[in-house]
Protein backbone atom coordinates (compact mmCIF):
# COMPACT_ATOMS: atom_id res chain seq x y z
CA UNK A 1 6.02 15.92 -13.61
CA UNK A 2 2.98 16.87 -11.49
CA UNK A 3 3.14 16.11 -7.80
CA UNK A 4 1.35 12.93 -6.80
CA UNK A 5 -1.94 13.89 -5.06
CA UNK A 6 -2.60 12.65 -1.54
CA UNK A 7 -6.09 11.43 -0.67
CA UNK A 8 -7.95 12.97 2.20
CA UNK A 9 -11.60 12.97 3.21
CA UNK A 10 -12.23 16.07 1.10
CA UNK A 11 -10.46 15.07 -2.13
CA UNK A 12 -10.80 11.30 -2.17
CA UNK A 13 -14.02 11.22 -4.20
CA UNK A 14 -12.50 13.30 -7.00
CA UNK A 15 -9.22 11.32 -7.08
CA UNK A 16 -10.87 7.92 -7.15
CA UNK A 17 -13.34 9.12 -9.77
CA UNK A 18 -10.58 8.66 -12.34
CA UNK A 19 -10.69 4.93 -11.72
CA UNK A 20 -14.38 4.39 -12.30
CA UNK A 21 -15.58 4.08 -8.70
CA UNK A 22 -16.17 7.73 -7.84
CA UNK A 23 -19.94 7.24 -7.90
CA UNK A 24 -19.65 5.01 -4.84
CA UNK A 25 -17.64 7.53 -2.87
CA UNK A 26 -18.71 10.64 -0.94
CA UNK A 27 -18.08 14.14 -2.21
CA UNK A 28 -18.19 15.38 1.36
CA UNK A 29 -17.11 14.11 4.75
CA UNK A 30 -19.28 11.32 6.11
CA UNK A 31 -20.75 11.52 9.59
CA UNK A 32 -18.15 10.52 12.16
CA UNK A 33 -19.50 8.75 15.20
CA UNK A 34 -17.49 7.25 18.02
CA UNK A 35 -15.68 9.13 20.75
CA UNK A 36 -12.46 10.98 21.48
CA UNK A 37 -10.42 8.97 23.99
CA UNK A 38 -7.07 10.06 25.50
CA UNK A 39 -4.66 7.80 23.63
CA UNK A 40 -1.85 7.73 26.22
CA UNK A 41 0.59 6.27 23.68
CA UNK A 42 3.76 6.91 25.67
CA UNK A 43 5.53 4.07 23.87
CA UNK A 44 4.92 5.48 20.39
CA UNK A 45 8.50 6.69 19.86
CA UNK A 46 10.15 3.76 21.64
CA UNK A 47 11.96 1.51 19.18
CA UNK A 48 11.06 -2.18 19.32
CA UNK A 49 13.22 -4.33 21.59
CA UNK A 50 13.45 -8.12 21.56
CA UNK A 51 12.62 -10.21 24.60
CA UNK A 52 15.02 -13.06 25.47
CA UNK A 53 13.85 -16.67 25.26
CA UNK A 54 11.27 -17.51 27.94
CA UNK A 55 11.46 -20.61 30.12
CA UNK A 56 8.62 -22.21 28.17
CA UNK A 57 6.40 -21.67 25.16
CA UNK A 58 2.67 -22.43 25.35
CA UNK A 59 1.01 -22.75 21.93
CA UNK A 60 -2.79 -23.06 22.01
CA UNK A 61 -4.26 -24.78 18.97
CA UNK A 62 -6.99 -22.13 18.61
CA UNK A 63 -5.18 -18.93 17.63
CA UNK A 64 -7.49 -17.92 14.79
CA UNK A 65 -11.09 -17.72 13.67
CA UNK A 66 -12.25 -21.15 12.50
CA UNK A 67 -11.41 -24.77 13.27
CA UNK A 68 -8.83 -25.48 15.95
CA UNK A 69 -5.62 -27.17 14.84
CA UNK A 70 -4.67 -30.69 15.82
CA UNK A 71 -1.25 -31.11 17.50
CA UNK A 72 1.32 -32.48 15.04
CA UNK A 73 3.96 -33.27 17.68
CA UNK A 74 4.04 -35.53 20.72
CA UNK A 75 5.59 -35.29 24.14
CA UNK A 76 9.43 -35.41 24.16
CA UNK A 77 9.61 -34.64 20.42
CA UNK A 78 12.31 -32.24 19.20
CA UNK A 79 11.24 -29.09 17.37
CA UNK A 80 13.11 -26.31 15.60
CA UNK A 81 12.15 -22.75 14.76
CA UNK A 82 9.45 -23.04 12.12
CA UNK A 83 8.49 -26.66 12.84
CA UNK A 84 4.78 -27.29 12.17
CA UNK A 85 3.13 -28.09 15.51
CA UNK A 86 -0.56 -27.49 14.71
CA UNK A 87 -2.61 -28.20 11.58
CA UNK A 88 -6.22 -28.69 10.53
CA UNK A 89 -7.63 -29.99 7.26
CA UNK A 90 -10.57 -27.60 7.65
CA UNK A 91 -10.64 -24.75 5.14
CA UNK A 92 -11.06 -22.04 7.78
CA UNK A 93 -7.94 -22.57 9.86
CA UNK A 94 -4.29 -21.50 10.04
CA UNK A 95 -1.20 -23.61 10.75
CA UNK A 96 0.77 -23.04 13.96
CA UNK A 97 4.58 -23.18 14.12
CA UNK A 98 7.17 -23.42 16.86
CA UNK A 99 8.95 -20.11 17.52
CA UNK A 100 11.85 -21.86 19.28
CA UNK A 101 14.03 -24.94 19.06
CA UNK A 102 13.69 -27.33 21.96
CA UNK A 103 11.68 -30.23 23.34
CA UNK A 104 7.94 -30.71 23.61
CA UNK A 105 7.30 -30.97 27.35
CA UNK A 106 3.59 -31.64 27.17
CA UNK A 107 0.44 -31.59 25.08
CA UNK A 108 -2.29 -30.66 27.53
CA UNK A 109 -5.63 -28.88 27.93
CA UNK A 110 -5.67 -25.21 28.93
CA UNK A 111 -8.54 -22.94 29.99
CA UNK A 112 -9.22 -19.32 29.10
CA UNK A 113 -10.66 -16.52 31.22
CA UNK A 114 -13.91 -16.69 29.22
CA UNK A 115 -14.42 -20.32 30.26
CA UNK A 116 -13.40 -21.90 26.96
CA UNK A 117 -11.00 -24.82 26.83
CA UNK A 118 -8.28 -25.62 24.32
CA UNK A 119 -5.33 -27.92 23.72
CA UNK A 120 -1.82 -26.50 23.96
CA UNK A 121 1.63 -27.70 22.95
CA UNK A 122 4.17 -26.77 25.64
CA UNK A 123 7.80 -26.43 24.49
CA UNK A 124 10.97 -26.04 26.55
CA UNK A 125 13.52 -23.98 24.55
CA UNK A 126 17.10 -25.28 24.30
CA UNK A 127 18.60 -21.90 23.37
CA UNK A 128 20.03 -23.04 20.03
CA UNK A 129 17.30 -21.53 17.82
CA UNK A 130 18.10 -23.90 14.97
CA UNK A 131 15.80 -23.47 11.96
CA UNK A 132 13.60 -26.25 10.60
CA UNK A 133 14.66 -27.50 7.16
CA UNK A 134 11.14 -26.84 5.85
CA UNK A 135 11.67 -23.07 6.15
CA UNK A 136 12.52 -21.88 2.63
CA UNK A 137 11.72 -18.75 0.69
CA UNK A 138 8.48 -19.38 -1.25
CA UNK A 139 8.44 -19.33 -5.04
CA UNK A 140 5.72 -16.97 -6.22
CA UNK A 141 4.72 -16.96 -9.89
CA UNK A 142 1.09 -15.81 -9.80
CA UNK A 143 -1.70 -14.89 -7.40
CA UNK A 144 -2.68 -18.51 -6.82
CA UNK A 145 0.85 -19.40 -5.68
CA UNK A 146 0.89 -16.31 -3.44
CA UNK A 147 -2.32 -17.38 -1.72
CA UNK A 148 -1.02 -20.94 -1.35
CA UNK A 149 2.23 -19.70 0.18
CA UNK A 150 0.40 -17.48 2.68
CA UNK A 151 -1.81 -20.47 3.52
CA UNK A 152 1.25 -22.26 4.89
CA UNK A 153 2.71 -19.23 6.66
CA UNK A 154 0.51 -19.18 9.77
CA UNK A 155 -0.36 -15.53 9.12
CA UNK A 156 -3.72 -14.40 10.48
CA UNK A 157 -5.31 -11.00 11.01
CA UNK A 158 -2.85 -9.37 13.42
CA UNK A 159 -5.12 -6.49 14.33
CA UNK A 160 -7.01 -8.70 16.77
CA UNK A 161 -9.55 -10.59 14.65
CA UNK A 162 -7.31 -13.56 13.85
CA UNK A 163 -9.09 -14.41 10.58
CA UNK A 164 -6.90 -16.68 8.39
CA UNK A 165 -5.21 -14.31 5.94
CA UNK A 166 -4.97 -16.76 3.06
CA UNK A 167 -8.72 -17.35 3.20
CA UNK A 168 -9.44 -13.64 2.92
CA UNK A 169 -7.06 -13.47 -0.07
CA UNK A 170 -8.82 -16.44 -1.68
CA UNK A 171 -11.99 -14.40 -2.20
CA UNK A 172 -13.51 -13.59 -5.57
CA UNK A 173 -11.58 -10.46 -6.56
CA UNK A 174 -13.49 -9.70 -9.74
CA UNK A 175 -15.40 -6.81 -8.13
CA UNK A 176 -12.63 -5.60 -5.79
CA UNK A 177 -11.37 -2.12 -6.68
CA UNK A 178 -9.77 -1.07 -3.37
CA UNK A 179 -7.33 -2.91 -1.10
CA UNK A 180 -7.45 -1.09 2.23
CA UNK A 181 -4.60 -1.39 4.71
CA UNK A 182 -5.63 -0.55 8.27
CA UNK A 183 -3.03 1.48 10.16
CA UNK A 184 -5.52 3.42 12.31
CA UNK A 185 -4.59 1.74 15.62
CA UNK A 186 -7.24 3.69 17.52
CA UNK A 187 -7.01 1.67 20.77
CA UNK A 188 -5.52 3.72 23.64
CA UNK A 189 -2.06 2.69 24.91
CA UNK A 190 -1.17 0.53 21.90
CA UNK A 191 1.57 1.53 19.45
CA UNK A 192 2.50 -1.83 17.93
CA UNK A 193 1.09 -1.08 14.47
CA UNK A 194 2.58 2.41 14.55
CA UNK A 195 6.05 0.99 15.17
CA UNK A 196 5.56 -1.43 12.27
CA UNK A 197 4.81 1.51 9.96
CA UNK A 198 7.76 3.53 11.22
CA UNK A 199 10.27 0.68 11.28
CA UNK A 200 9.24 -1.26 8.15
CA UNK A 201 7.64 1.15 5.64
CA UNK A 202 9.43 -0.38 2.63
CA UNK A 203 8.40 -3.92 3.59
CA UNK A 204 4.76 -2.83 3.85
CA UNK A 205 4.83 -1.12 0.45
CA UNK A 206 6.59 -4.07 -1.21
CA UNK A 207 3.97 -6.46 0.15
CA UNK A 208 1.16 -4.22 -1.10
CA UNK A 209 2.80 -3.99 -4.52
CA UNK A 210 3.09 -7.77 -4.74
CA UNK A 211 -0.58 -8.20 -3.83
CA UNK A 212 -1.69 -5.59 -6.37
CA UNK A 213 0.59 -6.90 -9.13
CA UNK A 214 -0.63 -10.49 -8.82
CA UNK A 215 -4.28 -9.90 -7.92
CA UNK A 216 -5.13 -7.22 -10.43
CA UNK A 217 -6.74 -5.00 -7.77
CA UNK A 218 -6.10 -1.46 -9.08
CA UNK A 219 -5.69 0.56 -5.87
CA UNK A 220 -4.55 0.39 -2.29
CA UNK A 221 -5.04 2.94 0.47
CA UNK A 222 -3.15 2.81 3.75
CA UNK A 223 -5.56 4.30 6.31
CA UNK A 224 -3.86 6.12 9.20
CA UNK A 225 -5.19 8.46 11.87
CA UNK A 226 -3.91 12.03 11.76
CA UNK A 227 -2.11 11.66 15.12
CA UNK A 228 0.62 9.58 13.41
CA UNK A 229 2.35 12.12 11.13
CA UNK A 230 5.66 10.27 11.03
CA UNK A 231 4.04 7.07 9.77
CA UNK A 232 2.05 9.04 7.19
CA UNK A 233 5.20 10.71 5.89
CA UNK A 234 7.34 7.54 5.76
CA UNK A 235 4.74 5.48 3.96
CA UNK A 236 4.00 8.25 1.47
CA UNK A 237 7.71 8.50 0.72
CA UNK A 238 8.01 4.72 0.34
CA UNK A 239 5.07 4.67 -2.09
CA UNK A 240 6.03 7.85 -3.96
CA UNK A 241 6.86 6.00 -7.19
CA UNK A 242 3.70 3.91 -7.30
CA UNK A 243 0.53 5.78 -8.26
CA UNK A 244 -1.61 2.83 -7.16
CA UNK A 245 -0.75 3.30 -3.47
CA UNK A 246 -1.26 6.24 -1.14
CA UNK A 247 -2.17 7.14 2.42
CA UNK A 248 -5.69 8.14 3.43
CA UNK A 249 -5.59 10.36 6.53
CA UNK A 250 -8.39 9.83 9.03
CA UNK A 251 -9.33 11.90 12.09
CA UNK A 252 -8.18 10.32 15.35
CA UNK A 253 -11.46 9.03 16.72
CA UNK A 254 -12.30 5.71 18.38
CA UNK A 255 -13.19 3.14 16.97
CA UNK A 256 -11.77 4.34 13.66
CA UNK A 257 -10.00 1.01 13.07
CA UNK A 258 -13.14 -1.18 13.11
CA UNK A 259 -13.49 -2.70 9.65
CA UNK A 260 -16.97 -1.41 8.83
CA UNK A 261 -16.22 1.99 10.31
CA UNK A 262 -13.02 2.47 8.34
CA UNK A 263 -14.72 1.26 5.17
CA UNK A 264 -17.53 3.80 5.62
CA UNK A 265 -15.24 6.68 6.51
CA UNK A 266 -12.81 6.02 3.65
CA UNK A 267 -15.05 4.92 0.78
CA UNK A 268 -18.56 5.92 1.85
CA UNK A 269 -19.71 2.32 1.36
CA UNK A 270 -21.69 0.28 3.87
CA UNK A 271 -21.70 -3.49 4.20
CA UNK A 272 -25.19 -5.02 4.02
CA UNK A 273 -26.39 -6.95 7.04
CA UNK A 274 -24.91 -10.44 6.91
CA UNK A 275 -22.45 -9.38 4.21
CA UNK A 276 -18.71 -8.81 3.96
CA UNK A 277 -16.44 -6.02 2.76
CA UNK A 278 -15.79 -7.96 -0.43
CA UNK A 279 -19.50 -7.61 -1.26
CA UNK A 280 -18.97 -3.87 -1.73
CA UNK A 281 -15.65 -3.99 -3.57
CA UNK A 282 -13.05 -3.82 -0.80
CA UNK A 283 -10.46 -5.95 0.96
CA UNK A 284 -9.09 -4.86 4.34
CA UNK A 285 -5.82 -6.03 5.93
CA UNK A 286 -4.20 -4.83 9.14
CA UNK A 287 -0.93 -3.04 8.40
CA UNK A 288 1.14 -5.48 10.48
CA UNK A 289 -0.52 -8.39 8.68
CA UNK A 290 0.54 -6.88 5.36
CA UNK A 291 4.06 -6.32 6.66
CA UNK A 292 4.25 -9.92 7.86
CA UNK A 293 3.36 -11.10 4.35
CA UNK A 294 6.29 -9.05 3.06
CA UNK A 295 8.68 -10.56 5.58
CA UNK A 296 7.48 -14.08 4.84
CA UNK A 297 8.03 -13.58 1.11
CA UNK A 298 11.59 -12.44 1.84
CA UNK A 299 12.78 -15.36 3.98
CA UNK A 300 10.03 -17.99 4.20
CA UNK A 301 9.88 -17.86 7.99
CA UNK A 302 6.29 -18.49 9.16
CA UNK A 303 4.66 -16.37 11.83
CA UNK A 304 6.50 -17.19 15.06
CA UNK A 305 7.03 -13.77 16.69
CA UNK A 306 5.10 -10.56 17.05
CA UNK A 307 5.41 -7.10 18.56
CA UNK A 308 3.25 -6.13 21.53
CA UNK A 309 2.97 -2.90 23.49
CA UNK A 310 3.54 -3.44 27.22
CA UNK A 311 2.08 -0.61 29.30
CA UNK A 312 0.07 0.27 32.39
CA UNK A 313 0.39 2.41 35.49
CA UNK A 314 2.48 -0.19 37.32
CA UNK A 315 4.75 -1.26 34.43
CA UNK A 316 8.26 -0.13 35.32
CA UNK A 317 9.65 -0.11 31.77
CA UNK A 318 6.87 0.36 29.20
CA UNK A 319 8.02 -0.67 25.75
CA UNK A 320 7.25 -2.12 22.37
CA UNK A 321 8.47 -5.65 22.71
CA UNK A 322 8.98 -8.37 20.14
CA UNK A 323 8.04 -11.64 21.83
CA UNK A 324 7.91 -15.28 20.81
CA UNK A 325 4.34 -16.35 20.25
CA UNK A 326 3.37 -18.54 23.20
CA UNK A 327 5.39 -16.59 25.80
CA UNK A 328 3.58 -16.57 29.18
CA UNK A 329 2.22 -13.19 30.25
CA UNK A 330 3.90 -13.42 33.66
CA UNK A 331 7.37 -13.73 32.14
CA UNK A 332 6.78 -10.66 29.96
CA UNK A 333 5.71 -8.60 32.95
CA UNK A 334 8.72 -9.84 34.95
CA UNK A 335 10.99 -8.77 32.09
CA UNK A 336 9.46 -5.27 31.92
CA UNK A 337 9.19 -4.97 35.70
CA UNK A 338 6.27 -4.01 37.93
CA UNK A 339 6.21 -1.37 40.63
CA UNK A 340 3.29 -3.02 42.46
CA UNK A 341 1.21 -6.18 42.43
CA UNK A 342 -1.20 -6.14 39.45
CA UNK A 343 -4.91 -5.86 40.17
CA UNK A 344 -5.88 -6.20 36.51
CA UNK A 345 -3.93 -7.60 33.58
CA UNK A 346 -5.40 -7.13 30.10
CA UNK A 347 -4.30 -8.73 26.84
CA UNK A 348 -5.06 -6.23 24.09
CA UNK A 349 -6.16 -2.62 24.52
CA UNK A 350 -8.22 -1.17 27.38
CA UNK A 351 -11.37 -0.87 25.22
CA UNK A 352 -11.55 -4.31 23.61
CA UNK A 353 -8.95 -6.33 25.51
CA UNK A 354 -9.58 -9.41 27.65
CA UNK A 355 -8.84 -9.46 31.38
CA UNK A 356 -6.66 -12.38 32.45
CA UNK A 357 -7.35 -14.58 35.46
CA UNK A 358 -3.84 -16.06 35.61
CA UNK A 359 -0.39 -14.93 34.48
CA UNK A 360 0.48 -18.26 32.89
CA UNK A 361 -1.70 -17.41 29.88
CA UNK A 362 0.37 -17.05 26.69
CA UNK A 363 0.56 -14.28 24.12
CA UNK A 364 -0.95 -15.61 20.88
CA UNK A 365 -0.80 -14.45 17.27
CA UNK A 366 -3.59 -11.88 17.29
CA UNK A 367 -2.52 -10.11 20.51
CA UNK A 368 -0.96 -6.66 20.12
CA UNK A 369 -0.81 -5.40 23.69
CA UNK A 370 -0.33 -6.35 27.32
CA UNK A 371 -1.49 -3.94 30.03
CA UNK A 372 -1.02 -4.14 33.79
CA UNK A 373 -2.88 -1.85 36.20
CA UNK A 374 -2.70 -1.28 39.94
CA UNK A 375 -5.52 -1.00 42.43
CA UNK A 376 -6.28 2.67 41.75
CA UNK A 377 -6.67 2.32 38.00
CA UNK A 378 -8.62 -0.93 38.35
CA UNK A 379 -11.52 0.51 40.35
CA UNK A 380 -14.80 0.83 38.45
CA UNK A 381 -17.43 3.47 39.39
CA UNK A 382 -20.73 2.20 40.73
CA UNK A 383 -23.57 1.64 38.26
CA UNK A 384 -26.63 3.87 38.57
CA UNK A 385 -29.97 3.99 36.77
CA UNK A 386 -30.11 4.95 33.09
CA UNK A 387 -30.85 8.69 32.74
CA UNK A 388 -32.04 8.35 29.10
CA UNK A 389 -29.41 10.71 27.76
CA UNK A 390 -28.97 8.75 24.51
CA UNK A 391 -25.16 9.15 24.68
CA UNK A 392 -24.71 5.47 23.84
CA UNK A 393 -26.96 5.80 20.77
CA UNK A 394 -25.37 9.04 19.55
CA UNK A 395 -21.83 7.63 19.78
CA UNK A 396 -22.36 4.09 18.44
CA UNK A 397 -20.31 3.83 15.21
CA UNK A 398 -22.77 1.28 13.77
CA UNK A 399 -25.84 3.42 14.64
CA UNK A 400 -27.25 0.86 17.10
CA UNK A 401 -29.24 1.53 20.28
CA UNK A 402 -27.20 -0.21 23.01
CA UNK A 403 -29.55 0.62 25.91
CA UNK A 404 -32.52 -0.81 24.00
CA UNK A 405 -30.54 -3.93 23.14
CA UNK A 406 -29.62 -4.35 26.80
CA UNK A 407 -33.27 -4.15 27.87
CA UNK A 408 -34.37 -6.60 25.17
CA UNK A 409 -31.65 -9.01 26.26
CA UNK A 410 -32.75 -8.77 29.88
CA UNK A 411 -36.27 -9.71 28.73
CA UNK A 412 -34.85 -12.46 26.49
CA UNK A 413 -36.77 -10.91 23.62
CA UNK A 414 -35.02 -12.45 20.61
CA UNK A 415 -37.43 -10.84 18.13
CA UNK A 416 -36.56 -7.41 19.51
CA UNK A 417 -32.83 -8.22 19.38
CA UNK A 418 -33.23 -9.10 15.71
CA UNK A 419 -35.15 -5.90 15.01
CA UNK A 420 -32.50 -3.89 16.86
CA UNK A 421 -29.79 -5.69 14.82
CA UNK A 422 -27.69 -6.67 17.82
CA UNK A 423 -25.66 -8.96 15.56
CA UNK A 424 -24.05 -5.91 13.90
CA UNK A 425 -22.27 -4.82 17.10
CA UNK A 426 -18.47 -4.61 16.65
CA UNK A 427 -17.89 -4.86 20.42
CA UNK A 428 -15.84 -1.66 20.53
CA UNK A 429 -17.01 -0.69 24.04
CA UNK A 430 -17.83 2.91 23.11
CA UNK A 431 -21.30 2.69 24.65
CA UNK A 432 -19.96 1.72 28.07
CA UNK A 433 -17.25 4.37 27.87
CA UNK A 434 -19.68 7.25 27.28
CA UNK A 435 -22.44 6.07 29.63
CA UNK A 436 -22.69 8.48 32.62
CA UNK A 437 -24.59 5.83 34.58
CA UNK A 438 -21.80 3.29 33.96
CA UNK A 439 -24.27 0.71 32.72
CA UNK A 440 -22.57 -2.52 31.50
CA UNK A 441 -23.78 -1.84 27.97
CA UNK A 442 -20.90 -3.37 26.05
CA UNK A 443 -21.08 -6.58 28.05
CA UNK A 444 -24.86 -6.78 27.65
CA UNK A 445 -24.75 -6.16 23.91
CA UNK A 446 -22.01 -8.76 23.50
CA UNK A 447 -24.20 -11.33 25.26
CA UNK A 448 -27.23 -10.20 23.24
CA UNK A 449 -25.24 -10.62 20.03
CA UNK A 450 -24.27 -14.16 21.00
CA UNK A 451 -27.88 -14.97 21.97
CA UNK A 452 -29.25 -13.70 18.67
CA UNK A 453 -26.63 -15.50 16.60
CA UNK A 454 -27.38 -18.75 18.41
CA UNK A 455 -31.06 -18.39 17.50
CA UNK A 456 -30.13 -17.56 13.91
CA UNK A 457 -28.02 -20.74 13.69
CA UNK A 458 -30.94 -22.78 15.04
CA UNK A 459 -33.27 -21.27 12.45
CA UNK A 460 -30.87 -22.08 9.62
CA UNK A 461 -30.57 -25.71 10.75
CA UNK A 462 -34.35 -26.09 10.92
CA UNK A 463 -34.72 -24.47 7.51
């Protein structure tokens, strides 16, 4: 029996040509933009450990893209593991479940570092961890029942986007020929997805097989950067008997994991402005999202815990830590230990993460990292005048002109922002990273993107 071929940038076009989509794929390597960043993944080979129960759980009702959930429990109510505590009738939403058994202490407003407000259910654990009677293994008979089950699982995009997973699965699949699974994890410091691939390769493959079997999508590629050889090997071995699934090896280059970047570099396809990956025949799931689907199908437990990487120059015991969703950041840092007072705490990775203004903020579903830095690492070089080097333009993975967008935003020139396509920015932060003048390009483009989208919404309402 011939050895199963593995797909790489140089052979992928020929391999996929057998399945009728070769014309859409490159016969040569596509141009790779972005930047090489020291990954500093010291936790990569550290096995996941479980954090003990925290003193309280804080569950915001907005842990996903779309409509916020409404609290389904009141103060002093008893909850168990898997009890539904947040729900919305809106189509674009995702249910929220209690990760602990205990008593609802409060239902109160909370505020984020970006100025937004939300409602949160605060739970005091009782230590019993009794399971709610509603938690049962789902019965799956076809693709429709699979989508419906995932709808009630609380699973969202665990790579950071937080898009409701069931809604992405409920797309029109008639033109989908490739189900991509994103295991790139290009953010420095983070190794959460890597540990998922190393620790649960069979679960990931079983979930992919279920999705392919029931959806009719013919192929799946697990996309992994070449700096993760162990994950590549384990997943290839787990999928060895299924010719529909293989690993596509990508060069380690930031931001390789951005959806439109990975689509372009794997398939050669580009998403039209205002479009989605499904418009060009692809679905894309984060590898931990896919693994979570597999775990949910095995035991029916909704999404209540997740792994995060805890790192930083002042973290005493860096580790990959499984935490209960809603655990306060301060309790996680206390558990891992700090060698000094933190000057900056970031939820997520150093490139796209969000700085926290208080340590009582909770870890939510789409968070995959927690970083704590001391005074030395926190200092930012002074900004100087632009030297017109074009580094930001040459490195932008979406081929935008960040410095031009910044200038148009400063002039409040919405027409120029539209012409410059500021709305296509993926907010990866590459432009700021490469800028020798340390211009706040990423921040400016993010604001420009929001400004342009607001104007676009106004235009649609008037039209």
